[in-house]
PDB file of all heavy atoms in Angstrom:
ATOM      1  N   ASP A   1      34.650-219.096 -35.495  1.00  0.00           N
ATOM      2  CA  ASP A   1      35.329-218.951 -34.213  1.00  0.00           C
ATOM      3  C   ASP A   1      35.757-217.498 -34.109  1.00  0.00           C
ATOM      4  O   ASP A   1      36.571-217.021 -34.903  1.00  0.00           O
ATOM      5  CB  ASP A   1      36.553-219.873 -34.133  1.00  0.00           C
ATOM      6  CG  ASP A   1      36.157-221.333 -34.069  1.00  0.00           C
ATOM      7  OD1 ASP A   1      35.140-221.631 -33.414  1.00  0.00           O
ATOM      8  OD2 ASP A   1      36.854-222.157 -34.674  1.00  0.00           O
ATOM      9  N   LEU A   2      35.189-216.798 -33.148  1.00  0.00           N
ATOM     10  CA  LEU A   2      35.506-215.392 -32.954  1.00  0.00           C
ATOM     11  C   LEU A   2      36.678-215.265 -31.978  1.00  0.00           C
ATOM     12  O   LEU A   2      37.224-216.256 -31.518  1.00  0.00           O
ATOM     13  CB  LEU A   2      34.270-214.657 -32.443  1.00  0.00           C
ATOM     14  CG  LEU A   2      33.000-214.826 -33.291  1.00  0.00           C
ATOM     15  CD1 LEU A   2      31.831-214.106 -32.642  1.00  0.00           C
ATOM     16  CD2 LEU A   2      33.229-214.340 -34.713  1.00  0.00           C
ATOM     17  N   VAL A   3      37.061-214.083 -31.637  1.00  0.00           N
ATOM     18  CA  VAL A   3      38.188-213.819 -30.744  1.00  0.00           C
ATOM     19  C   VAL A   3      37.999-214.490 -29.390  1.00  0.00           C
ATOM     20  O   VAL A   3      36.890-214.513 -28.852  1.00  0.00           O
ATOM     21  CB  VAL A   3      38.358-212.291 -30.567  1.00  0.00           C
ATOM     22  CG1 VAL A   3      39.461-211.970 -29.584  1.00  0.00           C
ATOM     23  CG2 VAL A   3      38.628-211.623 -31.898  1.00  0.00           C
ATOM     24  N   GLY A   4      39.064-215.054 -28.845  1.00  0.00           N
ATOM     25  CA  GLY A   4      39.031-215.632 -27.503  1.00  0.00           C
ATOM     26  C   GLY A   4      38.298-216.950 -27.404  1.00  0.00           C
ATOM     27  O   GLY A   4      37.805-217.301 -26.338  1.00  0.00           O
ATOM     28  N   GLY A   5      38.192-217.682 -28.502  1.00  0.00           N
ATOM     29  CA  GLY A   5      37.534-218.979 -28.468  1.00  0.00           C
ATOM     30  C   GLY A   5      36.016-218.910 -28.406  1.00  0.00           C
ATOM     31  O   GLY A   5      35.356-219.913 -28.165  1.00  0.00           O
ATOM     32  N   VAL A   6      35.443-217.746 -28.632  1.00  0.00           N
ATOM     33  CA  VAL A   6      33.993-217.568 -28.635  1.00  0.00           C
ATOM     34  C   VAL A   6      33.451-217.983 -29.997  1.00  0.00           C
ATOM     35  O   VAL A   6      33.991-217.601 -31.032  1.00  0.00           O
ATOM     36  CB  VAL A   6      33.627-216.092 -28.344  1.00  0.00           C
ATOM     37  CG1 VAL A   6      32.132-215.857 -28.474  1.00  0.00           C
ATOM     38  CG2 VAL A   6      34.122-215.684 -26.971  1.00  0.00           C
ATOM     39  N   THR A   7      32.381-218.784 -29.993  1.00  0.00           N
ATOM     40  CA  THR A   7      31.765-219.157 -31.258  1.00  0.00           C
ATOM     41  C   THR A   7      30.687-218.149 -31.624  1.00  0.00           C
ATOM     42  O   THR A   7      30.103-217.505 -30.755  1.00  0.00           O
ATOM     43  CB  THR A   7      31.150-220.566 -31.196  1.00  0.00           C
ATOM     44  OG1 THR A   7      30.184-220.603 -30.166  1.00  0.00           O
ATOM     45  CG2 THR A   7      32.217-221.618 -30.959  1.00  0.00           C
ATOM     46  N   GLY A   8      30.451-218.028 -32.913  1.00  0.00           N
ATOM     47  CA  GLY A   8      29.452-217.070 -33.356  1.00  0.00           C
ATOM     48  C   GLY A   8      29.205-217.177 -34.835  1.00  0.00           C
ATOM     49  O   GLY A   8      29.372-218.245 -35.439  1.00  0.00           O
ATOM     50  N   TRP A   9      28.828-216.052 -35.419  1.00  0.00           N
ATOM     51  CA  TRP A   9      28.423-215.984 -36.822  1.00  0.00           C
ATOM     52  C   TRP A   9      29.097-214.808 -37.507  1.00  0.00           C
ATOM     53  O   TRP A   9      29.282-213.763 -36.904  1.00  0.00           O
ATOM     54  CB  TRP A   9      26.909-215.809 -36.917  1.00  0.00           C
ATOM     55  CG  TRP A   9      26.188-216.985 -36.384  1.00  0.00           C
ATOM     56  CD1 TRP A   9      25.764-217.182 -35.095  1.00  0.00           C
ATOM     57  CD2 TRP A   9      25.850-218.164 -37.098  1.00  0.00           C
ATOM     58  NE1 TRP A   9      25.178-218.403 -34.980  1.00  0.00           N
ATOM     59  CE2 TRP A   9      25.216-219.028 -36.188  1.00  0.00           C
ATOM     60  CE3 TRP A   9      26.012-218.573 -38.411  1.00  0.00           C
ATOM     61  CZ2 TRP A   9      24.741-220.279 -36.570  1.00  0.00           C
ATOM     62  CZ3 TRP A   9      25.549-219.820 -38.788  1.00  0.00           C
ATOM     63  CH2 TRP A   9      24.903-220.652 -37.866  1.00  0.00           C
ATOM     64  N   GLN A  10      29.433-214.999 -38.776  1.00  0.00           N
ATOM     65  CA  GLN A  10      29.931-213.915 -39.610  1.00  0.00           C
ATOM     66  C   GLN A  10      29.002-213.739 -40.794  1.00  0.00           C
ATOM     67  O   GLN A  10      28.505-214.716 -41.353  1.00  0.00           O
ATOM     68  CB  GLN A  10      31.337-214.203 -40.129  1.00  0.00           C
ATOM     69  CG  GLN A  10      32.396-214.110 -39.073  1.00  0.00           C
ATOM     70  CD  GLN A  10      33.800-214.235 -39.658  1.00  0.00           C
ATOM     71  OE1 GLN A  10      33.992-214.618 -40.806  1.00  0.00           O
ATOM     72  NE2 GLN A  10      34.782-213.906 -38.850  1.00  0.00           N
ATOM     73  N   LEU A  11      28.793-212.479 -41.174  1.00  0.00           N
ATOM     74  CA  LEU A  11      27.956-212.146 -42.319  1.00  0.00           C
ATOM     75  C   LEU A  11      28.818-211.416 -43.341  1.00  0.00           C
ATOM     76  O   LEU A  11      29.519-210.456 -42.997  1.00  0.00           O
ATOM     77  CB  LEU A  11      26.782-211.263 -41.881  1.00  0.00           C
ATOM     78  CG  LEU A  11      25.843-210.793 -42.983  1.00  0.00           C
ATOM     79  CD1 LEU A  11      25.130-211.983 -43.645  1.00  0.00           C
ATOM     80  CD2 LEU A  11      24.824-209.803 -42.425  1.00  0.00           C
ATOM     81  N   HIS A  12      28.788-211.892 -44.586  1.00  0.00           N
ATOM     82  CA  HIS A  12      29.521-211.286 -45.686  1.00  0.00           C
ATOM     83  C   HIS A  12      28.571-210.972 -46.829  1.00  0.00           C
ATOM     84  O   HIS A  12      27.558-211.647 -47.001  1.00  0.00           O
ATOM     85  CB  HIS A  12      30.598-212.248 -46.219  1.00  0.00           C
ATOM     86  CG  HIS A  12      31.693-212.506 -45.247  1.00  0.00           C
ATOM     87  ND1 HIS A  12      31.582-213.426 -44.236  1.00  0.00           N
ATOM     88  CD2 HIS A  12      32.924-211.966 -45.133  1.00  0.00           C
ATOM     89  CE1 HIS A  12      32.699-213.445 -43.538  1.00  0.00           C
ATOM     90  NE2 HIS A  12      33.531-212.568 -44.064  1.00  0.00           N
ATOM     91  N   ARG A  13      28.907-209.953 -47.613  1.00  0.00           N
ATOM     92  CA  ARG A  13      28.189-209.660 -48.851  1.00  0.00           C
ATOM     93  C   ARG A  13      29.213-209.545 -49.973  1.00  0.00           C
ATOM     94  O   ARG A  13      30.155-208.767 -49.869  1.00  0.00           O
ATOM     95  CB  ARG A  13      27.406-208.362 -48.761  1.00  0.00           C
ATOM     96  CG  ARG A  13      26.563-208.134 -50.018  1.00  0.00           C
ATOM     97  CD  ARG A  13      25.795-206.859 -49.963  1.00  0.00           C
ATOM     98  NE  ARG A  13      26.681-205.800 -50.463  1.00  0.00           N
ATOM     99  CZ  ARG A  13      26.444-204.512 -50.323  1.00  0.00           C
ATOM    100  NH1 ARG A  13      25.389-204.100 -49.662  1.00  0.00           N
ATOM    101  NH2 ARG A  13      27.266-203.630 -50.820  1.00  0.00           N
ATOM    102  N   ASP A  14      29.024-210.327 -51.003  1.00  0.00           N
ATOM    103  CA  ASP A  14      29.948-210.342 -52.138  1.00  0.00           C
ATOM    104  C   ASP A  14      31.391-210.516 -51.682  1.00  0.00           C
ATOM    105  O   ASP A  14      32.305-209.883 -52.203  1.00  0.00           O
ATOM    106  CB  ASP A  14      29.817-209.057 -52.969  1.00  0.00           C
ATOM    107  CG  ASP A  14      28.457-208.931 -53.632  1.00  0.00           C
ATOM    108  OD1 ASP A  14      27.847-209.983 -53.948  1.00  0.00           O
ATOM    109  OD2 ASP A  14      27.998-207.802 -53.833  1.00  0.00           O
ATOM    110  N   GLY A  15      31.598-211.348 -50.665  1.00  0.00           N
ATOM    111  CA  GLY A  15      32.936-211.639 -50.176  1.00  0.00           C
ATOM    112  C   GLY A  15      33.501-210.616 -49.212  1.00  0.00           C
ATOM    113  O   GLY A  15      34.601-210.800 -48.689  1.00  0.00           O
ATOM    114  N   LEU A  16      32.775-209.548 -48.941  1.00  0.00           N
ATOM    115  CA  LEU A  16      33.242-208.512 -48.019  1.00  0.00           C
ATOM    116  C   LEU A  16      32.569-208.673 -46.662  1.00  0.00           C
ATOM    117  O   LEU A  16      31.345-208.843 -46.577  1.00  0.00           O
ATOM    118  CB  LEU A  16      32.938-207.121 -48.582  1.00  0.00           C
ATOM    119  CG  LEU A  16      33.596-206.790 -49.916  1.00  0.00           C
ATOM    120  CD1 LEU A  16      33.097-205.444 -50.427  1.00  0.00           C
ATOM    121  CD2 LEU A  16      35.107-206.794 -49.794  1.00  0.00           C
ATOM    122  N   PHE A  17      33.351-208.608 -45.597  1.00  0.00           N
ATOM    123  CA  PHE A  17      32.849-208.750 -44.229  1.00  0.00           C
ATOM    124  C   PHE A  17      31.890-207.619 -43.903  1.00  0.00           C
ATOM    125  O   PHE A  17      32.190-206.449 -44.149  1.00  0.00           O
ATOM    126  CB  PHE A  17      34.036-208.736 -43.260  1.00  0.00           C
ATOM    127  CG  PHE A  17      33.631-208.752 -41.820  1.00  0.00           C
ATOM    128  CD1 PHE A  17      33.256-209.930 -41.208  1.00  0.00           C
ATOM    129  CD2 PHE A  17      33.612-207.583 -41.087  1.00  0.00           C
ATOM    130  CE1 PHE A  17      32.876-209.952 -39.877  1.00  0.00           C
ATOM    131  CE2 PHE A  17      33.241-207.595 -39.757  1.00  0.00           C
ATOM    132  CZ  PHE A  17      32.872-208.781 -39.150  1.00  0.00           C
ATOM    133  N   LEU A  18      30.724-207.967 -43.350  1.00  0.00           N
ATOM    134  CA  LEU A  18      29.757-206.969 -42.891  1.00  0.00           C
ATOM    135  C   LEU A  18      29.728-206.859 -41.375  1.00  0.00           C
ATOM    136  O   LEU A  18      29.768-205.766 -40.828  1.00  0.00           O
ATOM    137  CB  LEU A  18      28.352-207.290 -43.397  1.00  0.00           C
ATOM    138  CG  LEU A  18      28.100-207.149 -44.888  1.00  0.00           C
ATOM    139  CD1 LEU A  18      26.673-207.567 -45.228  1.00  0.00           C
ATOM    140  CD2 LEU A  18      28.354-205.723 -45.340  1.00  0.00           C
ATOM    141  N   ASP A  19      29.607-208.009 -40.692  1.00  0.00           N
ATOM    142  CA  ASP A  19      29.452-207.974 -39.236  1.00  0.00           C
ATOM    143  C   ASP A  19      29.621-209.374 -38.667  1.00  0.00           C
ATOM    144  O   ASP A  19      29.602-210.362 -39.407  1.00  0.00           O
ATOM    145  CB  ASP A  19      28.065-207.447 -38.874  1.00  0.00           C
ATOM    146  CG  ASP A  19      27.996-206.806 -37.494  1.00  0.00           C
ATOM    147  OD1 ASP A  19      28.980-206.923 -36.712  1.00  0.00           O
ATOM    148  OD2 ASP A  19      26.972-206.189 -37.184  1.00  0.00           O
ATOM    149  N   CYS A  20      29.773-209.443 -37.345  1.00  0.00           N
ATOM    150  CA  CYS A  20      29.799-210.736 -36.662  1.00  0.00           C
ATOM    151  C   CYS A  20      29.029-210.614 -35.356  1.00  0.00           C
ATOM    152  O   CYS A  20      28.786-209.510 -34.861  1.00  0.00           O
ATOM    153  CB  CYS A  20      31.234-211.207 -36.418  1.00  0.00           C
ATOM    154  SG  CYS A  20      32.193-210.168 -35.316  1.00  0.00           S
ATOM    155  N   HIS A  21      28.635-211.760 -34.819  1.00  0.00           N
ATOM    156  CA  HIS A  21      27.853-211.790 -33.578  1.00  0.00           C
ATOM    157  C   HIS A  21      28.139-213.100 -32.869  1.00  0.00           C
ATOM    158  O   HIS A  21      28.286-214.137 -33.504  1.00  0.00           O
ATOM    159  CB  HIS A  21      26.357-211.702 -33.904  1.00  0.00           C
ATOM    160  CG  HIS A  21      25.503-211.336 -32.737  1.00  0.00           C
ATOM    161  ND1 HIS A  21      25.256-212.206 -31.699  1.00  0.00           N
ATOM    162  CD2 HIS A  21      24.850-210.200 -32.451  1.00  0.00           C
ATOM    163  CE1 HIS A  21      24.475-211.612 -30.819  1.00  0.00           C
ATOM    164  NE2 HIS A  21      24.214-210.389 -31.258  1.00  0.00           N
ATOM    165  N   GLU A  22      28.201-213.048 -31.542  1.00  0.00           N
ATOM    166  CA  GLU A  22      28.352-214.276 -30.767  1.00  0.00           C
ATOM    167  C   GLU A  22      27.140-215.173 -30.976  1.00  0.00           C
ATOM    168  O   GLU A  22      26.066-214.707 -31.342  1.00  0.00           O
ATOM    169  CB  GLU A  22      28.463-213.942 -29.276  1.00  0.00           C
ATOM    170  CG  GLU A  22      29.744-213.273 -28.889  1.00  0.00           C
ATOM    171  CD  GLU A  22      29.831-213.028 -27.386  1.00  0.00           C
ATOM    172  OE1 GLU A  22      29.126-213.708 -26.616  1.00  0.00           O
ATOM    173  OE2 GLU A  22      30.603-212.150 -26.994  1.00  0.00           O
ATOM    174  N   SER A  23      27.325-216.469 -30.710  1.00  0.00           N
ATOM    175  CA  SER A  23      26.208-217.417 -30.795  1.00  0.00           C
ATOM    176  C   SER A  23      25.062-216.941 -29.923  1.00  0.00           C
ATOM    177  O   SER A  23      25.273-216.297 -28.895  1.00  0.00           O
ATOM    178  CB  SER A  23      26.658-218.807 -30.356  1.00  0.00           C
ATOM    179  OG  SER A  23      27.583-219.333 -31.275  1.00  0.00           O
ATOM    180  N   PHE A  24      23.865-217.271 -30.331  1.00  0.00           N
ATOM    181  CA  PHE A  24      22.672-216.840 -29.621  1.00  0.00           C
ATOM    182  C   PHE A  24      22.214-217.873 -28.593  1.00  0.00           C
ATOM    183  O   PHE A  24      21.640-217.527 -27.577  1.00  0.00           O
ATOM    184  CB  PHE A  24      21.544-216.560 -30.615  1.00  0.00           C
ATOM    185  CG  PHE A  24      21.862-215.438 -31.561  1.00  0.00           C
ATOM    186  CD1 PHE A  24      22.498-215.686 -32.763  1.00  0.00           C
ATOM    187  CD2 PHE A  24      21.539-214.132 -31.237  1.00  0.00           C
ATOM    188  CE1 PHE A  24      22.800-214.655 -33.641  1.00  0.00           C
ATOM    189  CE2 PHE A  24      21.844-213.089 -32.097  1.00  0.00           C
ATOM    190  CZ  PHE A  24      22.482-213.354 -33.294  1.00  0.00           C
ATOM    191  N   THR A  25      22.437-219.154 -28.871  1.00  0.00           N
ATOM    192  CA  THR A  25      22.000-220.227 -27.990  1.00  0.00           C
ATOM    193  C   THR A  25      22.901-221.441 -28.205  1.00  0.00           C
ATOM    194  O   THR A  25      23.593-221.539 -29.209  1.00  0.00           O
ATOM    195  CB  THR A  25      20.522-220.609 -28.257  1.00  0.00           C
ATOM    196  OG1 THR A  25      20.163-221.724 -27.456  1.00  0.00           O
ATOM    197  CG2 THR A  25      20.279-220.952 -29.697  1.00  0.00           C
ATOM    198  N   VAL A  26      22.882-222.367 -27.272  1.00  0.00           N
ATOM    199  CA  VAL A  26      23.706-223.576 -27.403  1.00  0.00           C
ATOM    200  C   VAL A  26      23.059-224.616 -28.315  1.00  0.00           C
ATOM    201  O   VAL A  26      23.711-225.562 -28.723  1.00  0.00           O
ATOM    202  CB  VAL A  26      24.007-224.217 -26.025  1.00  0.00           C
ATOM    203  CG1 VAL A  26      24.826-223.260 -25.173  1.00  0.00           C
ATOM    204  CG2 VAL A  26      22.734-224.621 -25.321  1.00  0.00           C
ATOM    205  N   HIS A  27      21.800-224.441 -28.652  1.00  0.00           N
ATOM    206  CA  HIS A  27      21.076-225.371 -29.525  1.00  0.00           C
ATOM    207  C   HIS A  27      21.267-224.922 -30.969  1.00  0.00           C
ATOM    208  O   HIS A  27      20.715-223.908 -31.388  1.00  0.00           O
ATOM    209  CB  HIS A  27      19.592-225.422 -29.165  1.00  0.00           C
ATOM    210  CG  HIS A  27      19.367-225.812 -27.745  1.00  0.00           C
ATOM    211  ND1 HIS A  27      19.555-227.092 -27.289  1.00  0.00           N
ATOM    212  CD2 HIS A  27      19.006-225.069 -26.675  1.00  0.00           C
ATOM    213  CE1 HIS A  27      19.308-227.133 -25.992  1.00  0.00           C
ATOM    214  NE2 HIS A  27      18.979-225.923 -25.594  1.00  0.00           N
ATOM    215  N   PHE A  28      22.030-225.690 -31.752  1.00  0.00           N
ATOM    216  CA  PHE A  28      22.459-225.245 -33.078  1.00  0.00           C
ATOM    217  C   PHE A  28      21.300-224.874 -33.995  1.00  0.00           C
ATOM    218  O   PHE A  28      21.349-223.835 -34.654  1.00  0.00           O
ATOM    219  CB  PHE A  28      23.355-226.297 -33.749  1.00  0.00           C
ATOM    220  CG  PHE A  28      23.981-225.805 -35.017  1.00  0.00           C
ATOM    221  CD1 PHE A  28      25.009-224.881 -34.978  1.00  0.00           C
ATOM    222  CD2 PHE A  28      23.523-226.247 -36.238  1.00  0.00           C
ATOM    223  CE1 PHE A  28      25.586-224.406 -36.145  1.00  0.00           C
ATOM    224  CE2 PHE A  28      24.093-225.788 -37.416  1.00  0.00           C
ATOM    225  CZ  PHE A  28      25.128-224.866 -37.364  1.00  0.00           C
ATOM    226  N   ASP A  29      20.246-225.682 -34.057  1.00  0.00           N
ATOM    227  CA  ASP A  29      19.127-225.374 -34.953  1.00  0.00           C
ATOM    228  C   ASP A  29      18.486-224.031 -34.606  1.00  0.00           C
ATOM    229  O   ASP A  29      18.182-223.232 -35.488  1.00  0.00           O
ATOM    230  CB  ASP A  29      18.066-226.472 -34.927  1.00  0.00           C
ATOM    231  CG  ASP A  29      18.551-227.748 -35.599  1.00  0.00           C
ATOM    232  OD1 ASP A  29      19.537-227.700 -36.349  1.00  0.00           O
ATOM    233  OD2 ASP A  29      17.932-228.804 -35.366  1.00  0.00           O
ATOM    234  N   ARG A  30      18.297-223.781 -33.326  1.00  0.00           N
ATOM    235  CA  ARG A  30      17.723-222.497 -32.900  1.00  0.00           C
ATOM    236  C   ARG A  30      18.712-221.361 -33.129  1.00  0.00           C
ATOM    237  O   ARG A  30      18.317-220.238 -33.441  1.00  0.00           O
ATOM    238  CB  ARG A  30      17.297-222.548 -31.435  1.00  0.00           C
ATOM    239  CG  ARG A  30      15.977-223.276 -31.274  1.00  0.00           C
ATOM    240  CD  ARG A  30      15.455-223.128 -29.886  1.00  0.00           C
ATOM    241  NE  ARG A  30      15.684-224.428 -29.238  1.00  0.00           N
ATOM    242  CZ  ARG A  30      15.615-224.643 -27.949  1.00  0.00           C
ATOM    243  NH1 ARG A  30      15.341-223.665 -27.133  1.00  0.00           N
ATOM    244  NH2 ARG A  30      15.827-225.832 -27.466  1.00  0.00           N
ATOM    245  N   ASP A  31      19.998-221.662 -32.984  1.00  0.00           N
ATOM    246  CA  ASP A  31      21.025-220.652 -33.206  1.00  0.00           C
ATOM    247  C   ASP A  31      21.060-220.230 -34.671  1.00  0.00           C
ATOM    248  O   ASP A  31      21.215-219.046 -34.981  1.00  0.00           O
ATOM    249  CB  ASP A  31      22.391-221.180 -32.760  1.00  0.00           C
ATOM    250  CG  ASP A  31      23.377-220.066 -32.483  1.00  0.00           C
ATOM    251  OD1 ASP A  31      23.005-219.101 -31.780  1.00  0.00           O
ATOM    252  OD2 ASP A  31      24.518-220.152 -32.974  1.00  0.00           O
ATOM    253  N   VAL A  32      20.898-221.182 -35.581  1.00  0.00           N
ATOM    254  CA  VAL A  32      20.867-220.862 -37.010  1.00  0.00           C
ATOM    255  C   VAL A  32      19.699-219.920 -37.294  1.00  0.00           C
ATOM    256  O   VAL A  32      19.863-218.906 -37.987  1.00  0.00           O
ATOM    257  CB  VAL A  32      20.748-222.149 -37.874  1.00  0.00           C
ATOM    258  CG1 VAL A  32      20.469-221.801 -39.327  1.00  0.00           C
ATOM    259  CG2 VAL A  32      21.997-222.997 -37.751  1.00  0.00           C
ATOM    260  N   GLU A  33      18.531-220.230 -36.762  1.00  0.00           N
ATOM    261  CA  GLU A  33      17.358-219.374 -36.973  1.00  0.00           C
ATOM    262  C   GLU A  33      17.587-217.973 -36.412  1.00  0.00           C
ATOM    263  O   GLU A  33      17.250-216.978 -37.068  1.00  0.00           O
ATOM    264  CB  GLU A  33      16.127-219.999 -36.340  1.00  0.00           C
ATOM    265  CG  GLU A  33      15.651-221.246 -37.051  1.00  0.00           C
ATOM    266  CD  GLU A  33      14.452-221.888 -36.377  1.00  0.00           C
ATOM    267  OE1 GLU A  33      13.747-221.198 -35.608  1.00  0.00           O
ATOM    268  OE2 GLU A  33      14.216-223.081 -36.632  1.00  0.00           O
ATOM    269  N   ALA A  34      18.150-217.879 -35.221  1.00  0.00           N
ATOM    270  CA  ALA A  34      18.420-216.579 -34.612  1.00  0.00           C
ATOM    271  C   ALA A  34      19.467-215.809 -35.430  1.00  0.00           C
ATOM    272  O   ALA A  34      19.351-214.591 -35.608  1.00  0.00           O
ATOM    273  CB  ALA A  34      18.894-216.756 -33.172  1.00  0.00           C
ATOM    274  N   ALA A  35      20.473-216.522 -35.938  1.00  0.00           N
ATOM    275  CA  ALA A  35      21.500-215.874 -36.756  1.00  0.00           C
ATOM    276  C   ALA A  35      20.901-215.332 -38.052  1.00  0.00           C
ATOM    277  O   ALA A  35      21.266-214.236 -38.505  1.00  0.00           O
ATOM    278  CB  ALA A  35      22.630-216.848 -37.049  1.00  0.00           C
ATOM    279  N   MET A  36      19.983-216.073 -38.655  1.00  0.00           N
ATOM    280  CA  MET A  36      19.320-215.595 -39.866  1.00  0.00           C
ATOM    281  C   MET A  36      18.503-214.339 -39.578  1.00  0.00           C
ATOM    282  O   MET A  36      18.528-213.376 -40.349  1.00  0.00           O
ATOM    283  CB  MET A  36      18.429-216.681 -40.458  1.00  0.00           C
ATOM    284  CG  MET A  36      19.192-217.793 -41.092  1.00  0.00           C
ATOM    285  SD  MET A  36      18.046-219.061 -41.682  1.00  0.00           S
ATOM    286  CE  MET A  36      19.196-220.325 -42.178  1.00  0.00           C
ATOM    287  N   ASP A  37      17.785-214.331 -38.456  1.00  0.00           N
ATOM    288  CA  ASP A  37      17.015-213.145 -38.068  1.00  0.00           C
ATOM    289  C   ASP A  37      17.947-211.949 -37.873  1.00  0.00           C
ATOM    290  O   ASP A  37      17.650-210.836 -38.326  1.00  0.00           O
ATOM    291  CB  ASP A  37      16.230-213.398 -36.780  1.00  0.00           C
ATOM    292  CG  ASP A  37      15.050-214.333 -36.983  1.00  0.00           C
ATOM    293  OD1 ASP A  37      14.629-214.535 -38.146  1.00  0.00           O
ATOM    294  OD2 ASP A  37      14.558-214.874 -35.973  1.00  0.00           O
ATOM    295  N   TRP A  38      19.076-212.172 -37.190  1.00  0.00           N
ATOM    296  CA  TRP A  38      20.057-211.109 -36.966  1.00  0.00           C
ATOM    297  C   TRP A  38      20.599-210.598 -38.304  1.00  0.00           C
ATOM    298  O   TRP A  38      20.668-209.386 -38.534  1.00  0.00           O
ATOM    299  CB  TRP A  38      21.196-211.646 -36.081  1.00  0.00           C
ATOM    300  CG  TRP A  38      22.419-210.810 -36.112  1.00  0.00           C
ATOM    301  CD1 TRP A  38      22.621-209.627 -35.458  1.00  0.00           C
ATOM    302  CD2 TRP A  38      23.619-211.072 -36.842  1.00  0.00           C
ATOM    303  NE1 TRP A  38      23.876-209.142 -35.744  1.00  0.00           N
ATOM    304  CE2 TRP A  38      24.500-210.013 -36.584  1.00  0.00           C
ATOM    305  CE3 TRP A  38      24.028-212.100 -37.679  1.00  0.00           C
ATOM    306  CZ2 TRP A  38      25.786-209.963 -37.144  1.00  0.00           C
ATOM    307  CZ3 TRP A  38      25.290-212.052 -38.236  1.00  0.00           C
ATOM    308  CH2 TRP A  38      26.154-210.999 -37.964  1.00  0.00           C
TER     309      TRP A  38
END
């Protein structure tokens, strides 16, 4: 859950925050694939 109730993704490496991005699509399976690509 990102700022303002926006859903998205967080990426960490070794427990340290790298980046975040809003959800790519409302379809969770496709969103997971898009998040992995990102």
